[in-house]
PDB file of N, CA and C in Angstrom:
ATOM      1  N   MET A   1      96.378 108.850 118.311  1.00  0.00           N
ATOM      2  CA  MET A   1      97.351 108.105 117.532  1.00  0.00           C
ATOM      3  C   MET A   1      97.572 108.821 116.202  1.00  0.00           C
ATOM      4  N   GLU A   2      98.820 109.060 115.875  1.00  0.00           N
ATOM      5  CA  GLU A   2      99.167 109.775 114.659  1.00  0.00           C
ATOM      6  C   GLU A   2      99.217 108.828 113.468  1.00  0.00           C
ATOM      7  N   PRO A   3      98.592 109.215 112.316  1.00  0.00           N
ATOM      8  CA  PRO A   3      98.645 108.333 111.148  1.00  0.00           C
ATOM      9  C   PRO A   3     100.073 108.206 110.625  1.00  0.00           C
ATOM     10  N   SER A   4     100.377 107.072 110.096  1.00  0.00           N
ATOM     11  CA  SER A   4     101.706 106.815 109.554  1.00  0.00           C
ATOM     12  C   SER A   4     101.923 107.616 108.278  1.00  0.00           C
ATOM     13  N   ALA A   5     103.121 108.166 108.143  1.00  0.00           N
ATOM     14  CA  ALA A   5     103.467 108.904 106.937  1.00  0.00           C
ATOM     15  C   ALA A   5     103.932 107.958 105.833  1.00  0.00           C
ATOM     16  N   LEU A   6     104.183 106.722 106.200  1.00  0.00           N
ATOM     17  CA  LEU A   6     104.653 105.754 105.218  1.00  0.00           C
ATOM     18  C   LEU A   6     103.477 105.137 104.479  1.00  0.00           C
ATOM     19  N   THR A   7     103.461 105.295 103.190  1.00  0.00           N
ATOM     20  CA  THR A   7     102.416 104.725 102.360  1.00  0.00           C
ATOM     21  C   THR A   7     103.063 104.038 101.170  1.00  0.00           C
ATOM     22  N   SER A   8     102.584 102.850 100.864  1.00  0.00           N
ATOM     23  CA  SER A   8     103.049 102.134  99.686  1.00  0.00           C
ATOM     24  C   SER A   8     101.904 102.023  98.706  1.00  0.00           C
ATOM     25  N   ALA A   9     102.240 101.942  97.457  1.00  0.00           N
ATOM     26  CA  ALA A   9     101.251 101.697  96.419  1.00  0.00           C
ATOM     27  C   ALA A   9     101.688 100.458  95.655  1.00  0.00           C
ATOM     28  N   SER A  10     100.733  99.818  95.019  1.00  0.00           N
ATOM     29  CA  SER A  10     101.063  98.639  94.218  1.00  0.00           C
ATOM     30  C   SER A  10     100.607  98.853  92.787  1.00  0.00           C
ATOM     31  N   LEU A  11     101.221  98.112  91.907  1.00  0.00           N
ATOM     32  CA  LEU A  11     100.965  98.265  90.488  1.00  0.00           C
ATOM     33  C   LEU A  11     101.144  96.908  89.822  1.00  0.00           C
ATOM     34  N   THR A  12     100.230  96.560  88.932  1.00  0.00           N
ATOM     35  CA  THR A  12     100.376  95.359  88.112  1.00  0.00           C
ATOM     36  C   THR A  12     100.445  95.813  86.663  1.00  0.00           C
ATOM     37  N   LEU A  13     101.455  95.347  85.967  1.00  0.00           N
ATOM     38  CA  LEU A  13     101.669  95.747  84.573  1.00  0.00           C
ATOM     39  C   LEU A  13     101.740  94.523  83.674  1.00  0.00           C
ATOM     40  N   ALA A  14     101.150  94.625  82.504  1.00  0.00           N
ATOM     41  CA  ALA A  14     101.315  93.603  81.464  1.00  0.00           C
ATOM     42  C   ALA A  14     102.533  94.009  80.646  1.00  0.00           C
ATOM     43  N   ILE A  15     103.396  93.045  80.356  1.00  0.00           N
ATOM     44  CA  ILE A  15     104.619  93.334  79.611  1.00  0.00           C
ATOM     45  C   ILE A  15     104.622  92.512  78.330  1.00  0.00           C
ATOM     46  N   GLU A  16     104.811  93.200  77.219  1.00  0.00           N
ATOM     47  CA  GLU A  16     104.861  92.536  75.912  1.00  0.00           C
ATOM     48  C   GLU A  16     106.298  92.462  75.428  1.00  0.00           C
ATOM     49  N   GLY A  17     106.655  91.343  74.833  1.00  0.00           N
ATOM     50  CA  GLY A  17     107.965  91.206  74.214  1.00  0.00           C
ATOM     51  C   GLY A  17     108.984  90.444  75.034  1.00  0.00           C
ATOM     52  N   MET A  18     108.585  89.913  76.191  1.00  0.00           N
ATOM     53  CA  MET A  18     109.521  89.107  76.982  1.00  0.00           C
ATOM     54  C   MET A  18     109.634  87.737  76.332  1.00  0.00           C
ATOM     55  N   GLY A  19     110.834  87.390  75.864  1.00  0.00           N
ATOM     56  CA  GLY A  19     111.004  86.117  75.182  1.00  0.00           C
ATOM     57  C   GLY A  19     111.672  85.040  76.006  1.00  0.00           C
ATOM     58  N   CYS A  20     112.371  85.438  77.061  1.00  0.00           N
ATOM     59  CA  CYS A  20     113.102  84.453  77.847  1.00  0.00           C
ATOM     60  C   CYS A  20     113.286  84.936  79.282  1.00  0.00           C
ATOM     61  N   ARG A  21     113.860  84.080  80.091  1.00  0.00           N
ATOM     62  CA  ARG A  21     114.059  84.406  81.512  1.00  0.00           C
ATOM     63  C   ARG A  21     115.038  85.564  81.703  1.00  0.00           C
ATOM     64  N   SER A  22     115.968  85.739  80.775  1.00  0.00           N
ATOM     65  CA  SER A  22     116.912  86.853  80.924  1.00  0.00           C
ATOM     66  C   SER A  22     116.195  88.194  80.786  1.00  0.00           C
ATOM     67  N   CYS A  23     115.071  88.197  80.073  1.00  0.00           N
ATOM     68  CA  CYS A  23     114.252  89.416  79.980  1.00  0.00           C
ATOM     69  C   CYS A  23     113.714  89.789  81.363  1.00  0.00           C
ATOM     70  N   VAL A  24     113.322  88.781  82.136  1.00  0.00           N
ATOM     71  CA  VAL A  24     112.815  88.994  83.494  1.00  0.00           C
ATOM     72  C   VAL A  24     113.886  89.686  84.331  1.00  0.00           C
ATOM     73  N   THR A  25     115.096  89.160  84.280  1.00  0.00           N
ATOM     74  CA  THR A  25     116.210  89.733  85.045  1.00  0.00           C
ATOM     75  C   THR A  25     116.493  91.158  84.614  1.00  0.00           C
ATOM     76  N   LYS A  26     116.504  91.391  83.325  1.00  0.00           N
ATOM     77  CA  LYS A  26     116.771  92.720  82.773  1.00  0.00           C
ATOM     78  C   LYS A  26     115.747  93.736  83.285  1.00  0.00           C
ATOM     79  N   ILE A  27     114.475  93.365  83.275  1.00  0.00           N
ATOM     80  CA  ILE A  27     113.407  94.263  83.731  1.00  0.00           C
ATOM     81  C   ILE A  27     113.502  94.482  85.241  1.00  0.00           C
ATOM     82  N   GLU A  28     113.702  93.409  86.001  1.00  0.00           N
ATOM     83  CA  GLU A  28     113.808  93.545  87.463  1.00  0.00           C
ATOM     84  C   GLU A  28     114.983  94.437  87.847  1.00  0.00           C
ATOM     85  N   GLN A  29     116.108  94.316  87.151  1.00  0.00           N
ATOM     86  CA  GLN A  29     117.273  95.150  87.448  1.00  0.00           C
ATOM     87  C   GLN A  29     116.999  96.620  87.126  1.00  0.00           C
ATOM     88  N   ALA A  30     116.302  96.880  86.030  1.00  0.00           N
ATOM     89  CA  ALA A  30     115.978  98.259  85.667  1.00  0.00           C
ATOM     90  C   ALA A  30     115.023  98.877  86.695  1.00  0.00           C
ATOM     91  N   LEU A  31     114.038  98.108  87.121  1.00  0.00           N
ATOM     92  CA  LEU A  31     113.088  98.609  88.112  1.00  0.00           C
ATOM     93  C   LEU A  31     113.765  98.855  89.457  1.00  0.00           C
ATOM     94  N   ALA A  32     114.709  98.000  89.827  1.00  0.00           N
ATOM     95  CA  ALA A  32     115.398  98.127  91.110  1.00  0.00           C
ATOM     96  C   ALA A  32     116.177  99.434  91.220  1.00  0.00           C
ATOM     97  N   LYS A  33     116.524 100.032  90.100  1.00  0.00           N
ATOM     98  CA  LYS A  33     117.275 101.292  90.094  1.00  0.00           C
ATOM     99  C   LYS A  33     116.389 102.504  90.363  1.00  0.00           C
ATOM    100  N   LEU A  34     115.078 102.335  90.302  1.00  0.00           N
ATOM    101  CA  LEU A  34     114.170 103.470  90.496  1.00  0.00           C
ATOM    102  C   LEU A  34     114.105 103.871  91.970  1.00  0.00           C
ATOM    103  N   PRO A  35     114.094 105.172  92.243  1.00  0.00           N
ATOM    104  CA  PRO A  35     113.950 105.612  93.631  1.00  0.00           C
ATOM    105  C   PRO A  35     112.560 105.256  94.144  1.00  0.00           C
ATOM    106  N   GLY A  36     112.476 104.835  95.382  1.00  0.00           N
ATOM    107  CA  GLY A  36     111.178 104.545  95.979  1.00  0.00           C
ATOM    108  C   GLY A  36     110.622 103.173  95.664  1.00  0.00           C
ATOM    109  N   LEU A  37     111.341 102.378  94.878  1.00  0.00           N
ATOM    110  CA  LEU A  37     110.852 101.037  94.574  1.00  0.00           C
ATOM    111  C   LEU A  37     111.095 100.138  95.782  1.00  0.00           C
ATOM    112  N   GLU A  38     110.054  99.477  96.257  1.00  0.00           N
ATOM    113  CA  GLU A  38     110.161  98.614  97.429  1.00  0.00           C
ATOM    114  C   GLU A  38     110.282  97.146  97.046  1.00  0.00           C
ATOM    115  N   ALA A  39     109.580  96.729  96.003  1.00  0.00           N
ATOM    116  CA  ALA A  39     109.650  95.340  95.542  1.00  0.00           C
ATOM    117  C   ALA A  39     109.146  95.272  94.104  1.00  0.00           C
ATOM    118  N   ALA A  40     109.739  94.382  93.339  1.00  0.00           N
ATOM    119  CA  ALA A  40     109.291  94.153  91.967  1.00  0.00           C
ATOM    120  C   ALA A  40     109.489  92.690  91.628  1.00  0.00           C
ATOM    121  N   THR A  41     108.441  92.062  91.139  1.00  0.00           N
ATOM    122  CA  THR A  41     108.520  90.675  90.684  1.00  0.00           C
ATOM    123  C   THR A  41     107.987  90.629  89.265  1.00  0.00           C
ATOM    124  N   VAL A  42     108.753  90.049  88.391  1.00  0.00           N
ATOM    125  CA  VAL A  42     108.339  89.901  86.998  1.00  0.00           C
ATOM    126  C   VAL A  42     108.057  88.429  86.760  1.00  0.00           C
ATOM    127  N   ASP A  43     106.874  88.134  86.257  1.00  0.00           N
ATOM    128  CA  ASP A  43     106.431  86.757  86.014  1.00  0.00           C
ATOM    129  C   ASP A  43     106.464  86.489  84.512  1.00  0.00           C
ATOM    130  N   HIS A  44     107.439  85.683  84.087  1.00  0.00           N
ATOM    131  CA  HIS A  44     107.600  85.389  82.656  1.00  0.00           C
ATOM    132  C   HIS A  44     106.396  84.646  82.085  1.00  0.00           C
ATOM    133  N   ALA A  45     105.867  83.683  82.832  1.00  0.00           N
ATOM    134  CA  ALA A  45     104.752  82.869  82.337  1.00  0.00           C
ATOM    135  C   ALA A  45     103.496  83.704  82.085  1.00  0.00           C
ATOM    136  N   ASN A  46     103.211  84.639  82.983  1.00  0.00           N
ATOM    137  CA  ASN A  46     102.007  85.475  82.840  1.00  0.00           C
ATOM    138  C   ASN A  46     102.282  86.791  82.133  1.00  0.00           C
ATOM    139  N   LYS A  47     103.557  87.056  81.831  1.00  0.00           N
ATOM    140  CA  LYS A  47     103.955  88.309  81.161  1.00  0.00           C
ATOM    141  C   LYS A  47     103.484  89.531  81.949  1.00  0.00           C
ATOM    142  N   GLN A  48     103.687  89.478  83.271  1.00  0.00           N
ATOM    143  CA  GLN A  48     103.274  90.578  84.139  1.00  0.00           C
ATOM    144  C   GLN A  48     104.365  90.933  85.131  1.00  0.00           C
ATOM    145  N   ALA A  49     104.304  92.187  85.600  1.00  0.00           N
ATOM    146  CA  ALA A  49     105.167  92.642  86.689  1.00  0.00           C
ATOM    147  C   ALA A  49     104.265  93.126  87.812  1.00  0.00           C
ATOM    148  N   HIS A  50     104.649  92.796  89.031  1.00  0.00           N
ATOM    149  CA  HIS A  50     103.939  93.258  90.222  1.00  0.00           C
ATOM    150  C   HIS A  50     104.938  94.109  90.997  1.00  0.00           C
ATOM    151  N   VAL A  51     104.562  95.364  91.255  1.00  0.00           N
ATOM    152  CA  VAL A  51     105.491  96.321  91.838  1.00  0.00           C
ATOM    153  C   VAL A  51     104.868  96.968  93.070  1.00  0.00           C
ATOM    154  N   ARG A  52     105.684  97.125  94.119  1.00  0.00           N
ATOM    155  CA  ARG A  52     105.279  97.891  95.302  1.00  0.00           C
ATOM    156  C   ARG A  52     106.259  99.050  95.418  1.00  0.00           C
ATOM    157  N   PHE A  53     105.742 100.268  95.614  1.00  0.00           N
ATOM    158  CA  PHE A  53     106.595 101.449  95.561  1.00  0.00           C
ATOM    159  C   PHE A  53     106.058 102.568  96.436  1.00  0.00           C
ATOM    160  N   ASP A  54     106.903 103.550  96.685  1.00  0.00           N
ATOM    161  CA  ASP A  54     106.521 104.759  97.412  1.00  0.00           C
ATOM    162  C   ASP A  54     106.044 105.778  96.378  1.00  0.00           C
ATOM    163  N   PRO A  55     104.742 106.102  96.361  1.00  0.00           N
ATOM    164  CA  PRO A  55     104.221 107.020  95.347  1.00  0.00           C
ATOM    165  C   PRO A  55     104.745 108.447  95.492  1.00  0.00           C
ATOM    166  N   GLY A  56     105.361 108.763  96.622  1.00  0.00           N
ATOM    167  CA  GLY A  56     105.969 110.080  96.791  1.00  0.00           C
ATOM    168  C   GLY A  56     107.332 110.177  96.126  1.00  0.00           C
ATOM    169  N   ALA A  57     107.908 109.027  95.774  1.00  0.00           N
ATOM    170  CA  ALA A  57     109.248 109.000  95.190  1.00  0.00           C
ATOM    171  C   ALA A  57     109.259 108.646  93.705  1.00  0.00           C
ATOM    172  N   VAL A  58     108.267 107.874  93.266  1.00  0.00           N
ATOM    173  CA  VAL A  58     108.215 107.452  91.863  1.00  0.00           C
ATOM    174  C   VAL A  58     106.750 107.253  91.469  1.00  0.00           C
ATOM    175  N   SER A  59     106.431 107.569  90.225  1.00  0.00           N
ATOM    176  CA  SER A  59     105.044 107.457  89.749  1.00  0.00           C
ATOM    177  C   SER A  59     104.863 106.197  88.895  1.00  0.00           C
ATOM    178  N   PRO A  60     103.610 105.753  88.744  1.00  0.00           N
ATOM    179  CA  PRO A  60     103.355 104.619  87.842  1.00  0.00           C
ATOM    180  C   PRO A  60     103.881 104.875  86.425  1.00  0.00           C
ATOM    181  N   ALA A  61     103.765 106.107  85.955  1.00  0.00           N
ATOM    182  CA  ALA A  61     104.253 106.438  84.612  1.00  0.00           C
ATOM    183  C   ALA A  61     105.773 106.271  84.519  1.00  0.00           C
ATOM    184  N   GLU A  62     106.497 106.636  85.579  1.00  0.00           N
ATOM    185  CA  GLU A  62     107.955 106.475  85.585  1.00  0.00           C
ATOM    186  C   GLU A  62     108.340 105.000  85.617  1.00  0.00           C
ATOM    187  N   ILE A  63     107.566 104.203  86.323  1.00  0.00           N
ATOM    188  CA  ILE A  63     107.819 102.761  86.363  1.00  0.00           C
ATOM    189  C   ILE A  63     107.598 102.169  84.971  1.00  0.00           C
ATOM    190  N   ALA A  64     106.496 102.531  84.344  1.00  0.00           N
ATOM    191  CA  ALA A  64     106.211 102.051  82.986  1.00  0.00           C
ATOM    192  C   ALA A  64     107.288 102.508  82.011  1.00  0.00           C
ATOM    193  N   GLN A  65     107.749 103.745  82.154  1.00  0.00           N
ATOM    194  CA  GLN A  65     108.767 104.280  81.259  1.00  0.00           C
ATOM    195  C   GLN A  65     110.085 103.509  81.375  1.00  0.00           C
ATOM    196  N   ALA A  66     110.416 103.050  82.578  1.00  0.00           N
ATOM    197  CA  ALA A  66     111.643 102.267  82.769  1.00  0.00           C
ATOM    198  C   ALA A  66     111.583 100.970  81.959  1.00  0.00           C
ATOM    199  N   ILE A  67     110.395 100.395  81.853  1.00  0.00           N
ATOM    200  CA  ILE A  67     110.221  99.166  81.066  1.00  0.00           C
ATOM    201  C   ILE A  67     110.210  99.484  79.576  1.00  0.00           C
ATOM    202  N   LEU A  68     109.527 100.556  79.204  1.00  0.00           N
ATOM    203  CA  LEU A  68     109.494 100.971  77.799  1.00  0.00           C
ATOM    204  C   LEU A  68     110.896 101.293  77.280  1.00  0.00           C
ATOM    205  N   ALA A  69     111.742 101.845  78.132  1.00  0.00           N
ATOM    206  CA  ALA A  69     113.106 102.196  77.736  1.00  0.00           C
ATOM    207  C   ALA A  69     113.928 100.964  77.357  1.00  0.00           C
ATOM    208  N   LEU A  70     113.484  99.790  77.796  1.00  0.00           N
ATOM    209  CA  LEU A  70     114.157  98.535  77.452  1.00  0.00           C
ATOM    210  C   LEU A  70     113.569  97.905  76.186  1.00  0.00           C
ATOM    211  N   ASP A  71     112.666  98.624  75.537  1.00  0.00           N
ATOM    212  CA  ASP A  71     112.010  98.177  74.299  1.00  0.00           C
ATOM    213  C   ASP A  71     110.994  97.063  74.497  1.00  0.00           C
ATOM    214  N   TYR A  72     110.354  97.047  75.660  1.00  0.00           N
ATOM    215  CA  TYR A  72     109.226  96.144  75.900  1.00  0.00           C
ATOM    216  C   TYR A  72     107.956  96.983  75.896  1.00  0.00           C
ATOM    217  N   GLY A  73     106.850  96.374  75.502  1.00  0.00           N
ATOM    218  CA  GLY A  73     105.564  97.050  75.603  1.00  0.00           C
ATOM    219  C   GLY A  73     105.052  96.915  77.025  1.00  0.00           C
ATOM    220  N   VAL A  74     104.309  97.893  77.490  1.00  0.00           N
ATOM    221  CA  VAL A  74     103.800  97.836  78.857  1.00  0.00           C
ATOM    222  C   VAL A  74     102.426  98.484  78.941  1.00  0.00           C
ATOM    223  N   THR A  75     101.539  97.850  79.697  1.00  0.00           N
ATOM    224  CA  THR A  75     100.205  98.360  79.961  1.00  0.00           C
ATOM    225  C   THR A  75      99.942  98.242  81.452  1.00  0.00           C
ATOM    226  N   ILE A  76      99.472  99.324  82.070  1.00  0.00           N
ATOM    227  CA  ILE A  76      99.123  99.271  83.484  1.00  0.00           C
ATOM    228  C   ILE A  76      97.769  98.576  83.612  1.00  0.00           C
ATOM    229  N   LEU A  77      97.740  97.462  84.350  1.00  0.00           N
ATOM    230  CA  LEU A  77      96.507  96.686  84.525  1.00  0.00           C
ATOM    231  C   LEU A  77      95.767  97.070  85.788  1.00  0.00           C
ATOM    232  N   ALA A  78      96.490  97.331  86.871  1.00  0.00           N
ATOM    233  CA  ALA A  78      95.833  97.628  88.152  1.00  0.00           C
ATOM    234  C   ALA A  78      96.735  98.470  89.024  1.00  0.00           C
ATOM    235  N   LYS A  79      96.100  99.395  89.766  1.00  0.00           N
ATOM    236  CA  LYS A  79      96.801 100.221  90.751  1.00  0.00           C
ATOM    237  C   LYS A  79      96.124 100.006  92.084  1.00  0.00           C
ATOM    238  N   GLY A  80      96.918 100.052  93.137  1.00  0.00           N
ATOM    239  CA  GLY A  80      96.350  99.910  94.476  1.00  0.00           C
ATOM    240  C   GLY A  80      97.180 100.681  95.477  1.00  0.00           C
ATOM    241  N   ALA A  81      96.581 101.029  96.593  1.00  0.00           N
ATOM    242  CA  ALA A  81      97.291 101.738  97.665  1.00  0.00           C
ATOM    243  C   ALA A  81      97.318 100.867  98.894  1.00  0.00           C
ATOM    244  N   GLN A  82      98.409 100.938  99.624  1.00  0.00           N
ATOM    245  CA  GLN A  82      98.563 100.212 100.876  1.00  0.00           C
ATOM    246  C   GLN A  82      99.164 101.179 101.875  1.00  0.00           C
ATOM    247  N   THR A  83      98.874 100.952 103.141  1.00  0.00           N
ATOM    248  CA  THR A  83      99.484 101.808 104.159  1.00  0.00           C
ATOM    249  C   THR A  83     100.464 101.026 104.991  1.00  0.00           C
TER     250      THR A  83
END
């Protein structure tokens, strides 16, 4: 049996500076434009984003940079790999 070439990675980020629900939409829309992004959920109450992505197409640093470009603070809390 041949191993699958498809691999996903996950990332949890803390986001600083989100003041309202429109901030959530703004961040989700920016993340959706990244190549290799499979899913992104931004939680306003916990001030976190949970992202699933193809690590061959986009890096955690590029994901964080997309949020920083919107003038929000961001810290990577956890990284994980999934197959």
